[in-house]
Amino acid sequence: MIANLVQLAAEEEQNPLIPPGPELLVGTIAFAIVFFVFWKKLLPNINKVLEERRTAIEGGIEEAEAMKVEAQSVLEQYKAQLAEARHEAARLRQEAQEQGAALIAEMRAEGQRQREEIVAAGHTQIEADRKAAASSLRQDVGKLATDLAGKLVGESLEDHARQSRVIDRFLDELDQKAEAAR
């Protein structure tokens, strides 16, 4: 038992955090082998994959920037075309308004001309009708006056030339008095 106790005491003096020498040697050799394999085989493959990713990302960024520049160019062209289309639309609206105003003025002038023609034709017709009515009225008044005068005198006043002169003189005097009254 004492021997067991001495052995236990010797084991207790050894630090549990530090492994025994042979284990430390085997662990170090195994670590070196794993490190060497990792460094020779695995590390180049990892670096190759990382380089490919970096190249792909840089290429994507360059492509994105090229697309951005192209999109900006297309946007500028679109804005220029839009501004040109708006200018053209404004010009067409202005032309349409000018043509409309010219057409309205032309139609007004034509309407005014037609109205004046109609009014002139109406005045001409009224004047012709007035003259015809005056002539007819003169004849009718003259005949009635002659008949009345014949009945008053008791004789027929059949001398047509004299009758016409008397009637014309009488009606002319009436016309002059009517014009003077205006």
N, C-alpha and C. Protein backbone atom coordinates (compact mmCIF):
# COMPACT_ATOMS: atom_id res chain seq x y z
N MET A 1 0.77 -1.15 0.00
CA MET A 1 0.00 0.00 0.00
C MET A 1 0.85 1.26 0.00
N ILE A 2 1.85 1.21 0.65
CA ILE A 2 2.73 2.35 0.68
C ILE A 2 3.27 2.60 -0.72
N ALA A 3 3.58 1.57 -1.37
CA ALA A 3 4.10 1.77 -2.73
C ALA A 3 3.04 2.43 -3.60
N ASN A 4 1.82 2.07 -3.35
CA ASN A 4 0.74 2.70 -4.10
C ASN A 4 0.61 4.16 -3.72
N LEU A 5 0.83 4.41 -2.48
CA LEU A 5 0.73 5.79 -2.02
C LEU A 5 1.86 6.62 -2.61
N VAL A 6 3.02 6.08 -2.73
CA VAL A 6 4.15 6.83 -3.28
C VAL A 6 3.88 7.08 -4.76
N GLN A 7 3.38 6.11 -5.39
CA GLN A 7 3.10 6.28 -6.80
C GLN A 7 2.00 7.31 -6.98
N LEU A 8 1.02 7.31 -6.15
CA LEU A 8 -0.05 8.29 -6.20
C LEU A 8 0.47 9.68 -5.93
N ALA A 9 1.36 9.79 -4.95
CA ALA A 9 1.94 11.08 -4.63
C ALA A 9 2.75 11.57 -5.81
N ALA A 10 3.47 10.68 -6.50
CA ALA A 10 4.27 11.08 -7.65
C ALA A 10 3.36 11.53 -8.80
N GLU A 11 2.27 10.89 -8.94
CA GLU A 11 1.34 11.25 -10.00
C GLU A 11 0.67 12.58 -9.69
N GLU A 12 0.47 12.81 -8.39
CA GLU A 12 -0.20 14.06 -8.03
C GLU A 12 0.72 15.24 -8.25
N GLU A 13 2.01 15.03 -8.19
CA GLU A 13 2.91 16.13 -8.40
C GLU A 13 2.96 16.54 -9.86
N GLN A 14 2.63 15.71 -10.77
CA GLN A 14 2.66 16.01 -12.19
C GLN A 14 1.46 16.91 -12.52
N ASN A 15 1.67 18.01 -13.32
CA ASN A 15 0.63 18.99 -13.70
C ASN A 15 -0.30 18.33 -14.71
N PRO A 16 -1.61 18.43 -14.45
CA PRO A 16 -2.54 17.79 -15.36
C PRO A 16 -2.66 18.53 -16.70
N LEU A 17 -2.23 19.75 -16.78
CA LEU A 17 -2.33 20.51 -18.03
C LEU A 17 -1.19 20.16 -18.99
N ILE A 18 -0.12 19.69 -18.51
CA ILE A 18 1.02 19.33 -19.35
C ILE A 18 0.95 17.82 -19.58
N PRO A 19 0.86 17.43 -20.86
CA PRO A 19 0.79 16.00 -21.12
C PRO A 19 2.17 15.32 -20.90
N PRO A 20 2.12 14.04 -20.73
CA PRO A 20 3.40 13.32 -20.56
C PRO A 20 4.26 13.47 -21.82
N GLY A 21 5.53 13.33 -21.74
CA GLY A 21 6.50 13.54 -22.80
C GLY A 21 6.21 12.74 -24.06
N PRO A 22 5.99 11.39 -23.95
CA PRO A 22 5.77 10.64 -25.18
C PRO A 22 4.49 11.09 -25.89
N GLU A 23 3.47 11.41 -25.16
CA GLU A 23 2.22 11.88 -25.79
C GLU A 23 2.46 13.23 -26.47
N LEU A 24 3.23 14.07 -25.83
CA LEU A 24 3.54 15.39 -26.39
C LEU A 24 4.30 15.22 -27.70
N LEU A 25 5.26 14.28 -27.75
CA LEU A 25 6.05 14.04 -28.94
C LEU A 25 5.15 13.49 -30.06
N VAL A 26 4.31 12.54 -29.80
CA VAL A 26 3.41 11.96 -30.80
C VAL A 26 2.43 13.03 -31.29
N GLY A 27 1.91 13.84 -30.40
CA GLY A 27 0.97 14.91 -30.78
C GLY A 27 1.62 15.95 -31.67
N THR A 28 2.88 16.30 -31.37
CA THR A 28 3.61 17.30 -32.15
C THR A 28 3.88 16.75 -33.55
N ILE A 29 4.29 15.49 -33.66
CA ILE A 29 4.55 14.89 -34.97
C ILE A 29 3.25 14.81 -35.78
N ALA A 30 2.16 14.40 -35.14
CA ALA A 30 0.87 14.33 -35.86
C ALA A 30 0.43 15.72 -36.32
N PHE A 31 0.64 16.72 -35.46
CA PHE A 31 0.29 18.10 -35.85
C PHE A 31 1.13 18.56 -37.03
N ALA A 32 2.42 18.21 -37.04
CA ALA A 32 3.30 18.61 -38.13
C ALA A 32 2.86 17.95 -39.43
N ILE A 33 2.49 16.68 -39.38
CA ILE A 33 2.05 15.97 -40.58
C ILE A 33 0.76 16.60 -41.11
N VAL A 34 -0.21 16.86 -40.24
CA VAL A 34 -1.49 17.46 -40.66
C VAL A 34 -1.24 18.87 -41.21
N PHE A 35 -0.35 19.62 -40.53
CA PHE A 35 -0.05 20.97 -40.99
C PHE A 35 0.60 20.93 -42.36
N PHE A 36 1.57 20.00 -42.59
CA PHE A 36 2.26 19.89 -43.86
C PHE A 36 1.26 19.53 -44.97
N VAL A 37 0.39 18.55 -44.73
CA VAL A 37 -0.61 18.15 -45.73
C VAL A 37 -1.55 19.34 -46.01
N PHE A 38 -1.98 20.00 -44.96
CA PHE A 38 -2.86 21.16 -45.13
C PHE A 38 -2.17 22.24 -45.95
N TRP A 39 -0.90 22.51 -45.66
CA TRP A 39 -0.15 23.57 -46.31
C TRP A 39 0.13 23.23 -47.77
N LYS A 40 0.43 21.95 -48.09
CA LYS A 40 0.78 21.56 -49.45
C LYS A 40 -0.45 21.26 -50.31
N LYS A 41 -1.45 20.69 -49.77
CA LYS A 41 -2.58 20.25 -50.58
C LYS A 41 -3.81 21.15 -50.42
N LEU A 42 -4.22 21.37 -49.24
CA LEU A 42 -5.48 22.05 -48.98
C LEU A 42 -5.37 23.57 -49.15
N LEU A 43 -4.30 24.16 -48.68
CA LEU A 43 -4.13 25.61 -48.75
C LEU A 43 -4.10 26.12 -50.20
N PRO A 44 -3.40 25.49 -51.15
CA PRO A 44 -3.44 25.98 -52.53
C PRO A 44 -4.85 25.90 -53.13
N ASN A 45 -5.59 24.84 -52.82
CA ASN A 45 -6.96 24.74 -53.32
C ASN A 45 -7.84 25.85 -52.73
N ILE A 46 -7.69 26.13 -51.47
CA ILE A 46 -8.46 27.20 -50.82
C ILE A 46 -8.09 28.54 -51.45
N ASN A 47 -6.78 28.78 -51.63
CA ASN A 47 -6.34 30.04 -52.25
C ASN A 47 -6.84 30.16 -53.69
N LYS A 48 -6.84 29.04 -54.42
CA LYS A 48 -7.34 29.05 -55.80
C LYS A 48 -8.83 29.42 -55.83
N VAL A 49 -9.61 28.82 -54.96
CA VAL A 49 -11.04 29.11 -54.90
C VAL A 49 -11.26 30.57 -54.50
N LEU A 50 -10.51 31.04 -53.51
CA LEU A 50 -10.64 32.44 -53.08
C LEU A 50 -10.26 33.40 -54.21
N GLU A 51 -9.22 33.06 -54.97
CA GLU A 51 -8.80 33.91 -56.09
C GLU A 51 -9.88 33.93 -57.17
N GLU A 52 -10.46 32.76 -57.46
CA GLU A 52 -11.54 32.71 -58.45
C GLU A 52 -12.73 33.55 -58.00
N ARG A 53 -13.07 33.47 -56.73
CA ARG A 53 -14.17 34.29 -56.20
C ARG A 53 -13.84 35.77 -56.32
N ARG A 54 -12.62 36.15 -55.95
CA ARG A 54 -12.22 37.55 -56.04
C ARG A 54 -12.29 38.03 -57.48
N THR A 55 -11.80 37.21 -58.41
CA THR A 55 -11.85 37.57 -59.83
C THR A 55 -13.30 37.69 -60.30
N ALA A 56 -14.14 36.77 -59.89
CA ALA A 56 -15.56 36.82 -60.29
C ALA A 56 -16.24 38.05 -59.72
N ILE A 57 -15.92 38.38 -58.48
CA ILE A 57 -16.54 39.56 -57.85
C ILE A 57 -16.05 40.82 -58.53
N GLU A 58 -14.73 40.90 -58.80
CA GLU A 58 -14.20 42.09 -59.47
C GLU A 58 -14.78 42.22 -60.88
N GLY A 59 -14.89 41.09 -61.58
CA GLY A 59 -15.49 41.11 -62.93
C GLY A 59 -16.95 41.53 -62.86
N GLY A 60 -17.66 41.05 -61.85
CA GLY A 60 -19.06 41.44 -61.67
C GLY A 60 -19.19 42.92 -61.38
N ILE A 61 -18.28 43.43 -60.57
CA ILE A 61 -18.31 44.86 -60.24
C ILE A 61 -18.02 45.68 -61.50
N GLU A 62 -17.01 45.26 -62.27
CA GLU A 62 -16.69 45.99 -63.50
C GLU A 62 -17.86 45.93 -64.48
N GLU A 63 -18.46 44.75 -64.58
CA GLU A 63 -19.61 44.59 -65.48
C GLU A 63 -20.78 45.45 -65.00
N ALA A 64 -20.98 45.49 -63.70
CA ALA A 64 -22.07 46.31 -63.14
C ALA A 64 -21.81 47.79 -63.41
N GLU A 65 -20.56 48.21 -63.27
CA GLU A 65 -20.24 49.61 -63.55
C GLU A 65 -20.43 49.92 -65.04
N ALA A 66 -20.04 48.98 -65.90
CA ALA A 66 -20.23 49.19 -67.34
C ALA A 66 -21.73 49.27 -67.65
N MET A 67 -22.51 48.42 -67.02
CA MET A 67 -23.96 48.46 -67.23
C MET A 67 -24.55 49.76 -66.69
N LYS A 68 -24.00 50.23 -65.57
CA LYS A 68 -24.47 51.49 -64.99
C LYS A 68 -24.18 52.64 -65.95
N VAL A 69 -22.99 52.66 -66.53
CA VAL A 69 -22.64 53.71 -67.50
C VAL A 69 -23.55 53.62 -68.71
N GLU A 70 -23.79 52.40 -69.19
CA GLU A 70 -24.67 52.22 -70.34
C GLU A 70 -26.10 52.64 -70.01
N ALA A 71 -26.56 52.28 -68.82
CA ALA A 71 -27.91 52.67 -68.39
C ALA A 71 -28.02 54.19 -68.29
N GLN A 72 -26.98 54.83 -67.78
CA GLN A 72 -26.97 56.29 -67.68
C GLN A 72 -27.04 56.91 -69.07
N SER A 73 -26.30 56.32 -70.02
CA SER A 73 -26.32 56.81 -71.40
C SER A 73 -27.71 56.65 -72.01
N VAL A 74 -28.32 55.50 -71.79
CA VAL A 74 -29.67 55.26 -72.31
C VAL A 74 -30.66 56.22 -71.66
N LEU A 75 -30.49 56.45 -70.36
CA LEU A 75 -31.38 57.39 -69.65
C LEU A 75 -31.24 58.80 -70.23
N GLU A 76 -30.04 59.22 -70.52
CA GLU A 76 -29.82 60.55 -71.10
C GLU A 76 -30.45 60.63 -72.49
N GLN A 77 -30.30 59.57 -73.29
CA GLN A 77 -30.93 59.55 -74.61
C GLN A 77 -32.45 59.61 -74.48
N TYR A 78 -32.98 58.86 -73.52
CA TYR A 78 -34.43 58.86 -73.30
C TYR A 78 -34.91 60.24 -72.90
N LYS A 79 -34.16 60.88 -71.98
CA LYS A 79 -34.55 62.23 -71.55
C LYS A 79 -34.49 63.20 -72.73
N ALA A 80 -33.47 63.08 -73.57
CA ALA A 80 -33.35 63.96 -74.73
C ALA A 80 -34.50 63.73 -75.70
N GLN A 81 -34.83 62.46 -75.94
CA GLN A 81 -35.96 62.15 -76.83
C GLN A 81 -37.27 62.65 -76.24
N LEU A 82 -37.42 62.50 -74.94
CA LEU A 82 -38.64 62.96 -74.28
C LEU A 82 -38.77 64.48 -74.39
N ALA A 83 -37.66 65.18 -74.16
CA ALA A 83 -37.68 66.64 -74.27
C ALA A 83 -37.99 67.05 -75.71
N GLU A 84 -37.41 66.34 -76.67
CA GLU A 84 -37.67 66.65 -78.09
C GLU A 84 -39.14 66.38 -78.43
N ALA A 85 -39.67 65.28 -77.92
CA ALA A 85 -41.08 64.95 -78.18
C ALA A 85 -42.00 65.99 -77.55
N ARG A 86 -41.67 66.45 -76.35
CA ARG A 86 -42.49 67.49 -75.72
C ARG A 86 -42.42 68.78 -76.52
N HIS A 87 -41.23 69.12 -77.00
CA HIS A 87 -41.07 70.33 -77.80
C HIS A 87 -41.88 70.22 -79.09
N GLU A 88 -41.80 69.06 -79.71
CA GLU A 88 -42.55 68.83 -80.95
C GLU A 88 -44.06 68.90 -80.70
N ALA A 89 -44.50 68.32 -79.59
CA ALA A 89 -45.94 68.37 -79.24
C ALA A 89 -46.38 69.81 -79.00
N ALA A 90 -45.55 70.57 -78.32
CA ALA A 90 -45.89 71.98 -78.07
C ALA A 90 -45.95 72.75 -79.39
N ARG A 91 -45.01 72.46 -80.28
CA ARG A 91 -45.01 73.13 -81.58
C ARG A 91 -46.27 72.76 -82.38
N LEU A 92 -46.63 71.49 -82.36
CA LEU A 92 -47.82 71.06 -83.08
C LEU A 92 -49.08 71.67 -82.49
N ARG A 93 -49.14 71.77 -81.15
CA ARG A 93 -50.30 72.42 -80.50
C ARG A 93 -50.37 73.88 -80.92
N GLN A 94 -49.22 74.56 -80.96
CA GLN A 94 -49.18 75.96 -81.35
C GLN A 94 -49.65 76.12 -82.80
N GLU A 95 -49.15 75.23 -83.68
CA GLU A 95 -49.58 75.30 -85.08
C GLU A 95 -51.08 75.06 -85.20
N ALA A 96 -51.58 74.10 -84.45
CA ALA A 96 -53.02 73.79 -84.51
C ALA A 96 -53.83 74.98 -84.02
N GLN A 97 -53.36 75.64 -82.95
CA GLN A 97 -54.07 76.82 -82.44
C GLN A 97 -54.05 77.94 -83.47
N GLU A 98 -52.88 78.13 -84.11
CA GLU A 98 -52.79 79.18 -85.12
C GLU A 98 -53.69 78.87 -86.32
N GLN A 99 -53.68 77.60 -86.74
CA GLN A 99 -54.54 77.22 -87.86
C GLN A 99 -56.01 77.36 -87.47
N GLY A 100 -56.33 76.99 -86.23
CA GLY A 100 -57.72 77.13 -85.77
C GLY A 100 -58.14 78.59 -85.75
N ALA A 101 -57.24 79.45 -85.23
CA ALA A 101 -57.56 80.88 -85.19
C ALA A 101 -57.71 81.44 -86.61
N ALA A 102 -56.83 81.01 -87.51
CA ALA A 102 -56.93 81.48 -88.90
C ALA A 102 -58.23 80.98 -89.54
N LEU A 103 -58.56 79.74 -89.26
CA LEU A 103 -59.80 79.18 -89.81
C LEU A 103 -61.02 79.90 -89.25
N ILE A 104 -60.99 80.19 -87.95
CA ILE A 104 -62.11 80.92 -87.34
C ILE A 104 -62.23 82.31 -87.96
N ALA A 105 -61.08 83.00 -88.12
CA ALA A 105 -61.11 84.33 -88.72
C ALA A 105 -61.62 84.26 -90.16
N GLU A 106 -61.18 83.24 -90.89
CA GLU A 106 -61.64 83.09 -92.27
C GLU A 106 -63.14 82.82 -92.32
N MET A 107 -63.62 81.95 -91.42
CA MET A 107 -65.05 81.64 -91.39
C MET A 107 -65.86 82.87 -90.98
N ARG A 108 -65.34 83.65 -90.05
CA ARG A 108 -66.03 84.89 -89.66
C ARG A 108 -66.11 85.85 -90.83
N ALA A 109 -64.98 85.99 -91.55
CA ALA A 109 -64.97 86.90 -92.70
C ALA A 109 -65.96 86.41 -93.76
N GLU A 110 -65.97 85.10 -93.99
CA GLU A 110 -66.90 84.54 -94.97
C GLU A 110 -68.34 84.75 -94.51
N GLY A 111 -68.59 84.52 -93.23
CA GLY A 111 -69.93 84.74 -92.69
C GLY A 111 -70.35 86.20 -92.79
N GLN A 112 -69.40 87.10 -92.49
CA GLN A 112 -69.68 88.53 -92.60
C GLN A 112 -69.99 88.90 -94.04
N ARG A 113 -69.20 88.36 -94.97
CA ARG A 113 -69.43 88.64 -96.39
C ARG A 113 -70.79 88.12 -96.83
N GLN A 114 -71.12 86.89 -96.42
CA GLN A 114 -72.42 86.33 -96.79
C GLN A 114 -73.56 87.13 -96.16
N ARG A 115 -73.36 87.55 -94.91
CA ARG A 115 -74.39 88.35 -94.24
C ARG A 115 -74.60 89.66 -94.99
N GLU A 116 -73.49 90.30 -95.39
CA GLU A 116 -73.61 91.56 -96.12
C GLU A 116 -74.29 91.34 -97.47
N GLU A 117 -73.97 90.21 -98.13
CA GLU A 117 -74.64 89.92 -99.40
C GLU A 117 -76.14 89.73 -99.19
N ILE A 118 -76.47 88.98 -98.12
CA ILE A 118 -77.89 88.73 -97.84
C ILE A 118 -78.60 90.03 -97.49
N VAL A 119 -77.95 90.87 -96.68
CA VAL A 119 -78.55 92.16 -96.31
C VAL A 119 -78.70 93.04 -97.55
N ALA A 120 -77.67 93.07 -98.40
CA ALA A 120 -77.74 93.88 -99.63
C ALA A 120 -78.85 93.36 -100.54
N ALA A 121 -78.93 92.02 -100.67
CA ALA A 121 -79.99 91.45 -101.50
C ALA A 121 -81.35 91.77 -100.90
N GLY A 122 -81.43 91.72 -99.57
CA GLY A 122 -82.69 92.07 -98.90
C GLY A 122 -83.07 93.52 -99.13
N HIS A 123 -82.07 94.42 -99.01
CA HIS A 123 -82.35 95.84 -99.27
C HIS A 123 -82.79 96.06 -100.72
N THR A 124 -82.12 95.38 -101.64
CA THR A 124 -82.48 95.50 -103.05
C THR A 124 -83.91 95.00 -103.27
N GLN A 125 -84.22 93.85 -102.66
CA GLN A 125 -85.56 93.29 -102.81
C GLN A 125 -86.60 94.21 -102.17
N ILE A 126 -86.27 94.74 -100.99
CA ILE A 126 -87.21 95.66 -100.32
C ILE A 126 -87.43 96.90 -101.17
N GLU A 127 -86.34 97.44 -101.72
CA GLU A 127 -86.45 98.64 -102.57
C GLU A 127 -87.31 98.34 -103.80
N ALA A 128 -87.07 97.17 -104.41
CA ALA A 128 -87.86 96.80 -105.59
C ALA A 128 -89.32 96.63 -105.21
N ASP A 129 -89.56 95.95 -104.07
CA ASP A 129 -90.93 95.76 -103.61
C ASP A 129 -91.58 97.11 -103.27
N ARG A 130 -90.80 98.01 -102.65
CA ARG A 130 -91.34 99.34 -102.31
C ARG A 130 -91.72 100.11 -103.57
N LYS A 131 -90.82 100.03 -104.57
CA LYS A 131 -91.12 100.74 -105.82
C LYS A 131 -92.35 100.14 -106.50
N ALA A 132 -92.41 98.81 -106.50
CA ALA A 132 -93.56 98.16 -107.12
C ALA A 132 -94.83 98.51 -106.36
N ALA A 133 -94.75 98.52 -105.02
CA ALA A 133 -95.92 98.86 -104.21
C ALA A 133 -96.30 100.33 -104.44
N ALA A 134 -95.29 101.23 -104.52
CA ALA A 134 -95.58 102.65 -104.74
C ALA A 134 -96.24 102.86 -106.10
N SER A 135 -95.71 102.15 -107.10
CA SER A 135 -96.29 102.28 -108.44
C SER A 135 -97.72 101.76 -108.46
N SER A 136 -97.90 100.60 -107.85
CA SER A 136 -99.25 100.02 -107.79
C SER A 136 -100.18 100.92 -106.99
N LEU A 137 -99.66 101.46 -105.90
CA LEU A 137 -100.46 102.35 -105.05
C LEU A 137 -100.82 103.62 -105.81
N ARG A 138 -99.87 104.17 -106.58
CA ARG A 138 -100.14 105.38 -107.35
C ARG A 138 -101.27 105.12 -108.34
N GLN A 139 -101.17 103.99 -108.98
CA GLN A 139 -102.21 103.69 -109.97
C GLN A 139 -103.58 103.53 -109.29
N ASP A 140 -103.54 102.77 -108.17
CA ASP A 140 -104.81 102.54 -107.48
C ASP A 140 -105.36 103.85 -106.90
N VAL A 141 -104.50 104.67 -106.28
CA VAL A 141 -104.96 105.94 -105.71
C VAL A 141 -105.43 106.86 -106.81
N GLY A 142 -104.69 106.88 -107.91
CA GLY A 142 -105.08 107.73 -109.04
C GLY A 142 -106.43 107.33 -109.61
N LYS A 143 -106.64 106.05 -109.76
CA LYS A 143 -107.92 105.58 -110.29
C LYS A 143 -109.04 105.91 -109.32
N LEU A 144 -108.80 105.67 -108.03
CA LEU A 144 -109.82 105.98 -107.04
C LEU A 144 -110.11 107.49 -106.98
N ALA A 145 -109.03 108.28 -107.06
CA ALA A 145 -109.21 109.73 -107.03
C ALA A 145 -109.98 110.21 -108.26
N THR A 146 -109.66 109.66 -109.40
CA THR A 146 -110.35 110.05 -110.63
C THR A 146 -111.82 109.65 -110.56
N ASP A 147 -112.07 108.45 -110.09
CA ASP A 147 -113.45 107.99 -109.96
C ASP A 147 -114.21 108.89 -108.98
N LEU A 148 -113.57 109.21 -107.87
CA LEU A 148 -114.21 110.05 -106.86
C LEU A 148 -114.45 111.46 -107.40
N ALA A 149 -113.43 111.99 -108.10
CA ALA A 149 -113.58 113.33 -108.68
C ALA A 149 -114.68 113.32 -109.73
N GLY A 150 -114.75 112.25 -110.52
CA GLY A 150 -115.80 112.15 -111.54
C GLY A 150 -117.18 112.10 -110.90
N LYS A 151 -117.29 111.41 -109.80
CA LYS A 151 -118.59 111.33 -109.13
C LYS A 151 -118.94 112.68 -108.52
N LEU A 152 -117.94 113.40 -107.99
CA LEU A 152 -118.21 114.71 -107.40
C LEU A 152 -118.61 115.70 -108.49
N VAL A 153 -117.91 115.67 -109.57
CA VAL A 153 -118.19 116.61 -110.66
C VAL A 153 -119.44 116.15 -111.43
N GLY A 154 -119.63 114.92 -111.51
CA GLY A 154 -120.77 114.39 -112.22
C GLY A 154 -120.41 114.05 -113.65
N GLU A 155 -119.15 114.12 -114.03
CA GLU A 155 -118.71 113.78 -115.38
C GLU A 155 -117.58 112.77 -115.28
N SER A 156 -117.40 112.09 -116.33
CA SER A 156 -116.32 111.12 -116.38
C SER A 156 -115.04 111.85 -116.77
N LEU A 157 -114.01 111.62 -116.05
CA LEU A 157 -112.71 112.22 -116.37
C LEU A 157 -111.85 111.12 -117.00
N GLU A 158 -112.08 110.91 -118.25
CA GLU A 158 -111.47 109.77 -118.94
C GLU A 158 -110.16 110.13 -119.61
N ASP A 159 -109.76 111.36 -119.65
CA ASP A 159 -108.50 111.74 -120.31
C ASP A 159 -107.35 111.16 -119.49
N HIS A 160 -106.81 110.13 -119.99
CA HIS A 160 -105.84 109.35 -119.25
C HIS A 160 -104.53 110.11 -119.06
N ALA A 161 -104.01 110.79 -120.02
CA ALA A 161 -102.75 111.52 -119.93
C ALA A 161 -102.86 112.62 -118.89
N ARG A 162 -103.91 113.36 -118.93
CA ARG A 162 -104.09 114.44 -117.97
C ARG A 162 -104.25 113.85 -116.58
N GLN A 163 -104.98 112.83 -116.50
CA GLN A 163 -105.23 112.17 -115.22
C GLN A 163 -103.89 111.72 -114.60
N SER A 164 -103.05 111.14 -115.36
CA SER A 164 -101.75 110.66 -114.87
C SER A 164 -100.89 111.82 -114.40
N ARG A 165 -100.89 112.92 -115.13
CA ARG A 165 -100.09 114.09 -114.71
C ARG A 165 -100.58 114.64 -113.40
N VAL A 166 -101.88 114.79 -113.24
CA VAL A 166 -102.44 115.35 -112.01
C VAL A 166 -102.12 114.44 -110.83
N ILE A 167 -102.26 113.16 -111.02
CA ILE A 167 -102.01 112.21 -109.94
C ILE A 167 -100.53 112.21 -109.56
N ASP A 168 -99.67 112.23 -110.55
CA ASP A 168 -98.23 112.21 -110.28
C ASP A 168 -97.81 113.46 -109.52
N ARG A 169 -98.34 114.62 -109.94
CA ARG A 169 -98.01 115.87 -109.26
C ARG A 169 -98.49 115.82 -107.82
N PHE A 170 -99.68 115.35 -107.57
CA PHE A 170 -100.25 115.29 -106.23
C PHE A 170 -99.42 114.35 -105.34
N LEU A 171 -99.06 113.18 -105.86
CA LEU A 171 -98.30 112.21 -105.06
C LEU A 171 -96.88 112.70 -104.82
N ASP A 172 -96.28 113.40 -105.78
CA ASP A 172 -94.95 113.96 -105.58
C ASP A 172 -94.96 115.00 -104.47
N GLU A 173 -96.00 115.81 -104.43
CA GLU A 173 -96.12 116.79 -103.36
C GLU A 173 -96.25 116.10 -102.00
N LEU A 174 -97.01 115.00 -101.96
CA LEU A 174 -97.15 114.25 -100.70
C LEU A 174 -95.81 113.67 -100.28
N ASP A 175 -95.03 113.14 -101.23
CA ASP A 175 -93.71 112.57 -100.93
C ASP A 175 -92.79 113.64 -100.39
N GLN A 176 -92.80 114.82 -100.96
CA GLN A 176 -91.94 115.90 -100.50
C GLN A 176 -92.30 116.34 -99.09
N LYS A 177 -93.59 116.39 -98.80
CA LYS A 177 -94.03 116.77 -97.46
C LYS A 177 -93.60 115.68 -96.46
N ALA A 178 -93.71 114.43 -96.85
CA ALA A 178 -93.33 113.32 -95.96
C ALA A 178 -91.83 113.34 -95.68
N GLU A 179 -91.01 113.62 -96.69
CA GLU A 179 -89.57 113.69 -96.51
C GLU A 179 -89.19 114.88 -95.67
N ALA A 180 -89.88 116.00 -95.83
CA ALA A 180 -89.59 117.18 -95.04
C ALA A 180 -89.96 116.95 -93.57
N ALA A 181 -90.94 116.12 -93.31
CA ALA A 181 -91.36 115.84 -91.94
C ALA A 181 -90.36 114.94 -91.22
N ARG A 182 -89.59 114.21 -91.91
CA ARG A 182 -88.62 113.30 -91.29
C ARG A 182 -87.53 114.09 -90.74
